[in-house]
Protein backbone atom coordinates (compact mmCIF):
# COMPACT_ATOMS: atom_id res chain seq x y z
CA MET A 1 -5.19 4.16 -46.45
CA GLY A 2 -1.45 4.70 -46.23
CA ILE A 3 1.16 2.60 -44.49
CA PHE A 4 4.70 3.09 -43.23
CA LYS A 5 7.35 0.47 -43.84
CA ILE A 6 10.19 0.86 -41.35
CA GLU A 7 13.53 -0.93 -41.27
CA GLY A 8 14.49 -0.81 -37.62
CA GLY A 9 17.70 -1.08 -35.67
CA VAL A 10 19.33 1.83 -37.49
CA SER A 11 21.19 4.50 -35.50
CA LEU A 12 20.19 8.07 -36.40
CA LYS A 13 22.18 11.28 -36.25
CA GLY A 14 21.52 14.96 -36.89
CA GLU A 15 19.31 17.91 -36.07
CA ILE A 16 15.53 18.09 -36.08
CA THR A 17 13.32 21.15 -35.60
CA PRO A 18 9.94 20.69 -33.89
CA GLN A 19 6.81 21.85 -35.67
CA GLY A 20 4.40 24.42 -34.28
CA ALA A 21 2.27 23.17 -31.41
CA LYS A 22 -0.89 21.39 -32.58
CA ASN A 23 -2.81 21.93 -29.34
CA GLU A 24 -2.03 25.65 -29.28
CA ALA A 25 -2.86 26.06 -32.97
CA LEU A 26 -6.36 24.58 -32.53
CA GLN A 27 -7.16 27.22 -29.87
CA ILE A 28 -5.54 30.12 -31.72
CA LEU A 29 -7.33 29.35 -34.98
CA CYS A 30 -10.72 29.42 -33.24
CA ALA A 31 -9.87 32.80 -31.70
CA VAL A 32 -9.74 34.47 -35.15
CA LEU A 33 -13.57 34.35 -35.01
CA LEU A 34 -13.53 36.94 -32.19
CA THR A 35 -12.74 39.90 -34.45
CA PRO A 36 -13.64 41.22 -37.90
CA GLU A 37 -10.06 42.45 -38.30
CA LYS A 38 -7.10 40.59 -39.80
CA VAL A 39 -5.21 38.08 -37.64
CA THR A 40 -1.89 36.67 -38.84
CA ILE A 41 -0.67 33.39 -37.36
CA ASN A 42 2.86 32.09 -37.86
CA ASN A 43 4.38 28.62 -37.28
CA LEU A 44 1.15 26.71 -37.94
CA PRO A 45 1.92 23.00 -38.40
CA ASP A 46 0.97 21.48 -41.75
CA ILE A 47 -0.97 18.52 -40.33
CA ILE A 48 -4.38 16.98 -40.97
CA ASP A 49 -6.19 18.30 -37.87
CA ILE A 50 -5.01 21.88 -38.41
CA ASN A 51 -5.80 21.83 -42.14
CA LYS A 52 -9.29 20.47 -41.37
CA LEU A 53 -9.94 23.36 -38.98
CA ILE A 54 -8.67 25.92 -41.50
CA THR A 55 -11.05 24.42 -44.09
CA LEU A 56 -13.93 24.61 -41.59
CA LEU A 57 -13.17 28.30 -40.96
CA GLY A 58 -13.20 28.91 -44.71
CA ASN A 59 -16.60 27.23 -45.01
CA LEU A 60 -17.85 29.53 -42.24
CA GLY A 61 -16.95 32.49 -44.46
CA VAL A 62 -13.58 33.41 -42.93
CA LYS A 63 -11.24 34.94 -45.53
CA ILE A 64 -7.96 33.01 -45.59
CA GLN A 65 -4.68 34.07 -47.13
CA LYS A 66 -1.58 31.87 -47.11
CA ASN A 67 1.53 34.03 -46.70
CA GLY A 68 4.10 31.25 -46.83
CA PRO A 69 4.96 27.95 -45.10
CA GLY A 70 3.11 27.89 -41.78
CA SER A 71 1.91 31.50 -42.06
CA TYR A 72 -1.71 32.51 -42.68
CA THR A 73 -3.82 35.65 -42.38
CA PHE A 74 -7.48 35.27 -41.39
CA GLN A 75 -10.30 37.82 -41.50
CA SER A 76 -13.70 36.97 -40.00
CA ASP A 77 -15.63 40.03 -41.23
CA ASP A 78 -18.36 38.10 -43.06
CA VAL A 79 -19.05 34.97 -41.03
CA ASN A 80 -21.95 32.81 -42.22
CA VAL A 81 -23.40 31.62 -38.90
CA GLY A 82 -26.14 29.82 -40.82
CA TYR A 83 -23.56 27.28 -42.00
CA LEU A 84 -23.61 25.85 -38.46
CA GLU A 85 -27.09 24.39 -39.09
CA THR A 86 -26.25 22.62 -42.35
CA GLU A 87 -25.69 18.90 -42.86
CA ALA A 88 -22.26 19.69 -44.29
CA PHE A 89 -21.20 21.28 -41.00
CA LYS A 90 -22.55 18.39 -38.96
CA LYS A 91 -20.28 16.05 -40.92
CA GLU A 92 -17.28 18.38 -41.00
CA GLY A 93 -17.43 19.50 -37.37
CA GLY A 94 -17.95 15.97 -36.11
CA ALA A 95 -14.70 14.80 -37.70
CA LEU A 96 -12.46 17.03 -35.58
CA ARG A 97 -12.16 17.23 -31.80
CA GLY A 98 -10.81 20.79 -31.87
CA SER A 99 -13.97 22.08 -33.59
CA ILE A 100 -15.61 22.35 -30.14
CA MET A 101 -13.60 25.55 -29.55
CA ILE A 102 -15.40 27.52 -32.26
CA VAL A 103 -18.47 27.61 -29.99
CA GLY A 104 -17.09 30.09 -27.43
CA PRO A 105 -16.03 32.77 -29.96
CA LEU A 106 -19.23 32.40 -32.01
CA LEU A 107 -21.41 32.60 -28.89
CA ALA A 108 -19.58 35.71 -27.70
CA ARG A 109 -19.70 37.56 -31.00
CA PHE A 110 -22.87 36.33 -32.69
CA GLY A 111 -24.99 35.11 -29.77
CA LYS A 112 -25.10 31.47 -30.78
CA GLY A 113 -22.88 28.49 -31.39
CA TYR A 114 -23.61 24.93 -32.48
CA ILE A 115 -21.45 21.84 -32.75
CA PRO A 116 -21.98 18.14 -33.48
CA LYS A 117 -20.46 15.65 -31.08
CA PRO A 118 -16.75 16.02 -31.91
CA GLY A 119 -14.59 13.14 -33.06
CA GLY A 120 -10.84 12.72 -32.53
CA ASP A 121 -8.75 10.05 -30.82
CA LYS A 122 -10.41 6.90 -29.47
CA ILE A 123 -8.80 7.18 -26.04
CA GLY A 124 -11.84 6.92 -23.82
CA ARG A 125 -14.55 9.26 -22.59
CA ARG A 126 -13.82 12.95 -23.16
CA ARG A 127 -16.64 14.92 -21.58
CA LEU A 128 -17.88 18.30 -22.80
CA ASP A 129 -19.75 19.30 -19.64
CA THR A 130 -17.11 21.83 -18.56
CA HIS A 131 -17.51 23.78 -21.81
CA PHE A 132 -21.28 24.05 -21.69
CA GLU A 133 -21.59 24.61 -17.94
CA GLY A 134 -19.24 27.56 -18.41
CA PHE A 135 -21.40 28.99 -21.18
CA ILE A 136 -24.54 28.51 -19.06
CA ASN A 137 -22.85 30.35 -16.18
CA LEU A 138 -22.25 33.27 -18.57
CA GLY A 139 -25.98 33.38 -19.34
CA ALA A 140 -26.34 31.16 -22.40
CA LYS A 141 -29.21 28.74 -22.92
CA PHE A 142 -28.18 25.17 -23.72
CA ARG A 143 -29.92 22.58 -25.84
CA TYR A 144 -28.98 19.11 -27.05
CA ASN A 145 -30.54 17.01 -29.79
CA LYS A 146 -29.99 13.38 -28.81
CA GLU A 147 -30.99 12.04 -32.22
CA ASP A 148 -28.37 14.08 -34.10
CA HIS A 149 -25.90 14.35 -31.19
CA PHE A 150 -25.99 18.10 -31.83
CA TYR A 151 -25.16 20.68 -29.15
CA GLY A 152 -26.25 24.31 -29.13
CA VAL A 153 -25.89 27.41 -26.96
CA GLU A 154 -27.64 30.75 -27.51
CA ALA A 155 -27.44 34.14 -25.83
CA THR A 156 -29.68 36.53 -27.74
CA GLU A 157 -29.18 39.30 -25.16
CA GLY A 158 -25.44 38.74 -24.82
CA LEU A 159 -23.29 37.16 -22.14
CA THR A 160 -22.71 38.48 -18.61
CA GLY A 161 -19.57 38.03 -16.55
CA THR A 162 -19.71 35.88 -13.44
CA ASP A 163 -17.61 33.88 -10.97
CA MET A 164 -17.21 30.20 -11.70
CA LEU A 165 -15.36 27.17 -10.38
CA LEU A 166 -14.65 24.61 -13.09
CA ASP A 167 -15.41 20.98 -12.23
CA GLU A 168 -12.16 19.97 -13.93
CA ALA A 169 -9.12 21.85 -15.26
CA SER A 170 -10.02 21.14 -18.88
CA VAL A 171 -7.65 22.84 -21.34
CA THR A 172 -10.13 23.12 -24.21
CA GLY A 173 -12.94 23.90 -21.75
CA THR A 174 -10.96 26.76 -20.21
CA ALA A 175 -10.01 28.08 -23.65
CA ASN A 176 -13.61 27.99 -24.85
CA ILE A 177 -14.95 29.76 -21.76
CA VAL A 178 -12.23 32.44 -21.81
CA MET A 179 -12.95 33.15 -25.49
CA ALA A 180 -16.63 33.59 -24.63
CA ALA A 181 -15.94 35.75 -21.57
CA VAL A 182 -13.65 38.30 -23.26
CA LEU A 183 -16.68 39.88 -24.98
CA ALA A 184 -19.14 39.44 -22.06
CA LYS A 185 -20.50 42.35 -20.04
CA GLY A 186 -18.69 42.76 -16.74
CA THR A 187 -16.00 40.68 -15.09
CA THR A 188 -15.59 36.90 -15.12
CA THR A 189 -13.37 34.90 -12.80
CA ILE A 190 -12.50 31.29 -13.60
CA TYR A 191 -11.07 29.19 -10.75
CA ASN A 192 -9.51 25.77 -11.37
CA ALA A 193 -8.65 27.03 -14.84
CA ALA A 194 -6.14 25.07 -16.91
CA CYS A 195 -2.80 26.88 -17.12
CA GLU A 196 -0.87 25.04 -19.88
CA PRO A 197 1.58 27.17 -21.91
CA TYR A 198 -0.73 26.88 -24.91
CA LEU A 199 -3.61 28.38 -22.95
CA GLN A 200 -1.25 31.11 -21.75
CA GLN A 201 -0.44 31.79 -25.40
CA LEU A 202 -4.15 32.12 -26.22
CA CYS A 203 -4.66 34.61 -23.40
CA LYS A 204 -1.61 36.65 -24.45
CA MET A 205 -2.86 36.70 -28.04
CA MET A 206 -6.32 37.93 -26.98
CA ASN A 207 -4.72 40.62 -24.82
CA ALA A 208 -2.78 41.73 -27.90
CA MET A 209 -6.18 41.97 -29.62
CA GLY A 210 -7.48 44.24 -26.84
CA ALA A 211 -8.87 41.76 -24.30
CA LYS A 212 -8.26 42.17 -20.56
CA VAL A 213 -7.22 38.78 -19.18
CA SER A 214 -5.13 38.64 -16.00
CA GLY A 215 -3.78 35.79 -13.87
CA ILE A 216 -2.23 34.17 -16.95
CA GLY A 217 -0.23 31.10 -15.97
CA SER A 218 -2.24 30.52 -12.77
CA ASN A 219 -5.41 28.54 -12.10
CA LEU A 220 -7.37 31.72 -11.37
CA LEU A 221 -8.13 33.82 -14.44
CA THR A 222 -9.88 37.19 -14.34
CA ILE A 223 -11.45 38.52 -17.53
CA GLU A 224 -12.80 42.05 -17.83
CA GLY A 225 -15.18 42.03 -20.77
CA VAL A 226 -14.60 44.46 -23.65
CA GLU A 227 -16.93 45.54 -26.45
CA SER A 228 -14.76 44.37 -29.34
CA LEU A 229 -11.36 42.98 -30.28
CA GLY A 230 -8.93 43.96 -33.01
CA GLY A 231 -6.38 42.16 -35.13
CA CYS A 232 -2.88 40.99 -34.23
CA THR A 233 0.07 38.84 -35.28
CA HIS A 234 0.83 35.70 -33.26
CA THR A 235 3.57 33.05 -33.43
CA ILE A 236 2.86 29.54 -32.16
CA LEU A 237 5.24 27.79 -29.75
CA PRO A 238 7.15 24.64 -30.73
CA ASP A 239 5.20 21.46 -30.01
CA MET A 240 6.24 20.04 -26.62
CA ILE A 241 4.68 16.67 -27.48
CA GLU A 242 6.79 16.39 -30.61
CA ILE A 243 9.87 17.43 -28.63
CA GLY A 244 9.19 14.63 -26.16
CA SER A 245 8.69 12.23 -29.07
CA TRP A 246 12.14 13.08 -30.46
CA ILE A 247 13.72 12.59 -27.03
CA GLY A 248 12.14 9.14 -26.84
CA LEU A 249 13.23 8.32 -30.40
CA ALA A 250 16.84 9.26 -29.64
CA ALA A 251 16.92 7.08 -26.52
CA MET A 252 15.27 4.02 -28.10
CA THR A 253 17.48 4.06 -31.21
CA ARG A 254 20.58 5.05 -29.20
CA SER A 255 21.10 8.00 -31.53
CA GLU A 256 22.87 11.34 -31.21
CA ILE A 257 20.24 13.96 -31.95
CA THR A 258 19.92 17.72 -31.41
CA ILE A 259 16.39 19.13 -31.14
CA LYS A 260 16.47 22.78 -32.22
CA ASP A 261 14.68 25.80 -30.74
CA VAL A 262 12.57 23.97 -28.16
CA SER A 263 11.54 26.95 -25.97
CA TRP A 264 12.99 25.41 -22.78
CA SER A 265 11.04 27.79 -20.55
CA ASN A 266 7.77 26.21 -21.75
CA LEU A 267 8.73 22.53 -21.34
CA GLY A 268 7.89 22.29 -17.64
CA VAL A 269 8.73 18.90 -16.10
CA ILE A 270 9.17 17.10 -19.43
CA PRO A 271 13.01 17.09 -19.37
CA SER A 272 13.14 15.96 -15.74
CA VAL A 273 10.73 13.05 -16.36
CA PHE A 274 12.91 11.73 -19.19
CA ARG A 275 15.94 12.15 -16.93
CA LYS A 276 14.22 9.92 -14.36
CA LEU A 277 14.40 7.17 -16.97
CA GLY A 278 18.15 7.74 -17.11
CA ILE A 279 18.18 9.65 -20.39
CA THR A 280 20.88 12.30 -20.73
CA LEU A 281 19.63 15.69 -21.95
CA GLU A 282 21.89 18.69 -22.36
CA LYS A 283 20.64 22.26 -22.64
CA ARG A 284 22.61 24.02 -25.38
CA GLY A 285 21.19 27.50 -25.75
CA ASP A 286 17.55 26.84 -26.62
CA ASP A 287 18.36 23.40 -28.06
CA ILE A 288 18.27 19.92 -26.50
CA TYR A 289 21.28 17.71 -27.22
CA ILE A 290 20.86 13.95 -26.64
CA PRO A 291 24.02 11.83 -26.91
CA ALA A 292 23.92 8.26 -28.21
CA HIS A 293 23.09 6.06 -25.21
CA LYS A 294 25.45 3.22 -26.16
CA ASP A 295 25.38 1.82 -22.62
CA GLY A 296 21.60 2.21 -22.27
CA TYR A 297 19.82 4.22 -19.58
CA GLN A 298 19.28 3.39 -15.92
CA VAL A 299 15.93 4.16 -14.26
CA LYS A 300 16.12 6.19 -11.08
CA THR A 301 14.09 4.61 -8.30
CA ASP A 302 12.24 6.65 -5.69
CA ILE A 303 14.18 7.77 -2.60
CA ASP A 304 12.94 4.79 -0.60
CA GLY A 305 13.93 2.38 -3.37
CA SER A 306 10.40 1.66 -4.56
CA ILE A 307 9.56 1.31 -8.25
CA LEU A 308 9.53 4.53 -10.25
CA THR A 309 5.98 5.69 -11.02
CA ILE A 310 5.31 8.14 -13.85
CA ALA A 311 1.79 9.57 -13.93
CA ASP A 312 0.04 12.30 -15.87
CA ALA A 313 -1.54 15.37 -14.28
CA PRO A 314 -2.87 18.79 -15.29
CA TRP A 315 -0.16 21.37 -15.95
CA PRO A 316 2.38 21.91 -14.45
CA GLY A 317 2.21 18.12 -14.06
CA PHE A 318 3.33 15.73 -16.79
CA THR A 319 1.22 15.89 -19.93
CA PRO A 320 -0.85 12.75 -20.69
CA ASP A 321 0.07 13.05 -24.38
CA LEU A 322 3.61 11.88 -23.60
CA LEU A 323 2.82 8.88 -21.42
CA SER A 324 2.66 6.60 -24.48
CA ILE A 325 6.18 7.72 -25.43
CA ILE A 326 7.44 7.15 -21.88
CA LEU A 327 5.96 3.65 -21.88
CA VAL A 328 7.75 2.70 -25.10
CA VAL A 329 11.07 4.18 -23.93
CA ALA A 330 10.77 2.23 -20.66
CA THR A 331 10.74 -1.07 -22.57
CA GLN A 332 14.52 -0.78 -23.03
CA CYS A 333 15.54 0.86 -19.76
CA LYS A 334 17.56 -0.72 -16.96
CA GLY A 335 14.91 -1.23 -14.30
CA ASP A 336 11.14 -1.26 -13.99
CA VAL A 337 8.57 1.53 -14.31
CA LEU A 338 4.90 1.85 -13.36
CA ILE A 339 2.98 3.97 -15.88
CA HIS A 340 -0.22 5.48 -14.44
CA GLN A 341 -2.52 7.06 -17.03
CA LYS A 342 -5.12 8.85 -14.90
CA MET A 343 -6.95 10.99 -17.43
CA PHE A 344 -8.01 8.62 -20.26
CA GLU A 345 -9.14 5.04 -19.73
CA SER A 346 -8.30 3.66 -23.20
CA ARG A 347 -4.91 5.18 -23.88
CA LEU A 348 -2.89 2.17 -22.71
CA PHE A 349 -4.72 -0.32 -24.90
CA PHE A 350 -2.00 -0.24 -27.58
CA VAL A 351 0.43 -2.14 -25.32
CA ASP A 352 -0.65 -5.49 -26.80
CA LYS A 353 1.17 -4.45 -29.97
CA LEU A 354 4.35 -3.81 -27.98
CA ILE A 355 3.96 -7.16 -26.22
CA ASP A 356 3.75 -8.78 -29.67
CA MET A 357 7.11 -7.13 -30.43
CA GLY A 358 8.64 -8.74 -27.34
CA ALA A 359 8.19 -5.99 -24.74
CA LYS A 360 7.67 -7.06 -21.12
CA ILE A 361 4.57 -5.18 -20.04
CA ILE A 362 1.92 -6.08 -17.49
CA LEU A 363 -1.34 -4.20 -18.09
CA CYS A 364 -2.75 -4.01 -14.56
CA ASP A 365 -6.02 -2.26 -15.50
CA PRO A 366 -7.13 0.40 -18.03
CA HIS A 367 -5.04 3.02 -16.25
CA ARG A 368 -1.84 1.27 -15.12
CA ALA A 369 0.93 -0.73 -16.74
CA VAL A 370 4.18 -2.11 -15.32
CA VAL A 371 7.08 -2.10 -17.79
CA ILE A 372 10.05 -4.39 -17.18
CA GLY A 373 13.01 -2.95 -19.09
CA HIS A 374 15.10 -5.09 -21.46
CA ASP A 375 18.26 -2.97 -21.14
CA PHE A 376 18.77 -3.60 -24.90
CA LYS A 377 19.75 -7.21 -24.12
CA SER A 378 16.69 -8.30 -26.06
CA GLN A 379 15.77 -6.21 -29.10
CA LEU A 380 12.13 -5.66 -30.01
CA LYS A 381 11.16 -7.60 -33.12
CA ALA A 382 9.44 -6.21 -36.20
CA THR A 383 5.73 -6.74 -36.76
CA THR A 384 2.66 -5.41 -38.57
CA MET A 385 0.44 -3.11 -36.52
CA SER A 386 -2.20 -0.38 -36.81
CA SER A 387 -2.11 3.09 -35.27
CA PRO A 388 -5.13 3.56 -32.93
CA ASP A 389 -4.55 7.26 -32.16
CA ILE A 390 -1.98 10.01 -32.69
CA ARG A 391 0.20 9.42 -29.62
CA ALA A 392 0.02 5.62 -29.68
CA GLY A 393 0.86 5.85 -33.39
CA ILE A 394 4.08 7.77 -32.84
CA SER A 395 4.98 5.43 -29.98
CA LEU A 396 4.60 2.39 -32.24
CA LEU A 397 6.67 4.18 -34.88
CA ILE A 398 9.47 4.72 -32.34
CA ALA A 399 9.26 1.06 -31.34
CA ALA A 400 9.48 0.02 -35.00
CA LEU A 401 12.54 2.22 -35.58
CA SER A 402 14.31 0.46 -32.72
CA ALA A 403 13.15 -3.06 -33.60
CA LYS A 404 15.01 -5.76 -35.52
CA GLY A 405 13.63 -6.26 -39.01
CA THR A 406 11.03 -4.47 -41.14
CA SER A 407 7.77 -3.34 -39.53
CA THR A 408 4.57 -2.15 -41.17
CA ILE A 409 2.30 0.45 -39.55
CA GLN A 410 -1.21 0.80 -40.94
CA ASN A 411 -3.73 3.62 -40.45
CA ILE A 412 -0.93 6.21 -40.54
CA GLU A 413 -3.48 8.97 -41.10
CA GLN A 414 -3.71 8.98 -37.29
CA ILE A 415 -0.01 9.89 -37.10
CA ASP A 416 -0.38 12.49 -39.87
CA ARG A 417 -3.09 14.18 -37.81
CA GLY A 418 -0.42 15.33 -35.35
CA TYR A 419 3.01 15.11 -37.00
CA GLU A 420 4.10 17.13 -40.03
CA ARG A 421 5.88 15.24 -42.84
CA ILE A 422 7.24 12.85 -40.26
CA ASP A 423 8.66 10.34 -42.74
CA GLU A 424 10.60 13.05 -44.62
CA ARG A 425 12.01 14.51 -41.42
CA LEU A 426 13.02 11.10 -40.10
CA ARG A 427 14.76 10.19 -43.37
CA ALA A 428 16.74 13.44 -43.08
CA ILE A 429 18.43 12.07 -39.91
CA GLY A 430 19.03 8.59 -41.32
CA ALA A 431 15.81 6.64 -40.66
CA LYS A 432 14.80 3.97 -43.15
CA ILE A 433 11.09 4.68 -43.50
CA VAL A 434 8.91 4.59 -46.61
CA ARG A 435 5.34 5.80 -47.05
CA ALA A 436 3.29 3.51 -49.28
């Protein structure tokens, strides 16, 4: 297993370009299974989770051609559905959370889809009920093998459109159901649908392939089923989570950084939440410029003077993937912040590592933490720590880059799952980080 060694307390300077969005790429890659024609995808991030899914598609029989950095062409004209019932697939599919989204396209096109219980981040319970209830509503039969933790849905006579109200606005659940519904007979309406930009991108891509999805960007999607889909070319958005990570990095290291080509129109409330912490962000064209915060950053209290609370929520609320970053950035703010993680009960459990570094954090319960800012009057101190998941990993890396001394981060494969060549890109703006 690899480690990062980081010499902290170094001011950074320069430009950094965000990678393609991981969460969009996972959906888009699964959608190539909907058509036998060629689909070209650009701006794919070169990260572990994406490369694992590309390998899985290849093992399913999808023809894959690499056109250049981040650009691939896929053709699913000879899919081996039998691979889904092999021991190799049970191992491979179980190692990747995003593999769940192959079920919808396979069910729609081939009448069956199987998946082992998916892996991924250890951030608490992540239920799959929304996915399978949606498939059942479309007419599929569901089965579950408790011994193997193996899920299956079958629709030998095809799927039929229907009206459904999702029990939660699950992003992957909505994506999976929409991918199944585009080839169903009749019309499907999905209420309480997720409406994240990445899901909007998936719907726009399928429309370019010949699907009929309307209501894109709202929580009510209408899908008129079509008989088949064709090929297309699609470009993935920049990763909003990585953009937020770079904002947090700039603030914590008091560095002057420009984040290039961020697609401002798809960032939602992310800039305003960082501004609530007192961080200065300037919009320069489609770039974000962050000046060096030599005098720190002052938290903005609520109108009535009460402590600032930052909580996650389904889009257009604040994404839960950035709450870990916000928590770390708050450790050096002027003021106090209450972090409320509503969606995952284990995501705040990395704060003990920050407390070991000298941060003032009170973990109230699995969902809430109060952060008392140091205002840079007390620098975090270096330590040895392990990355528990992708977002906690990048948060600990940011803390280490701001800390006094040399820190070691173990289990960096978790960070590599979501961030492309992060050590190289950080060194390019002056960070002292070594992969060992």
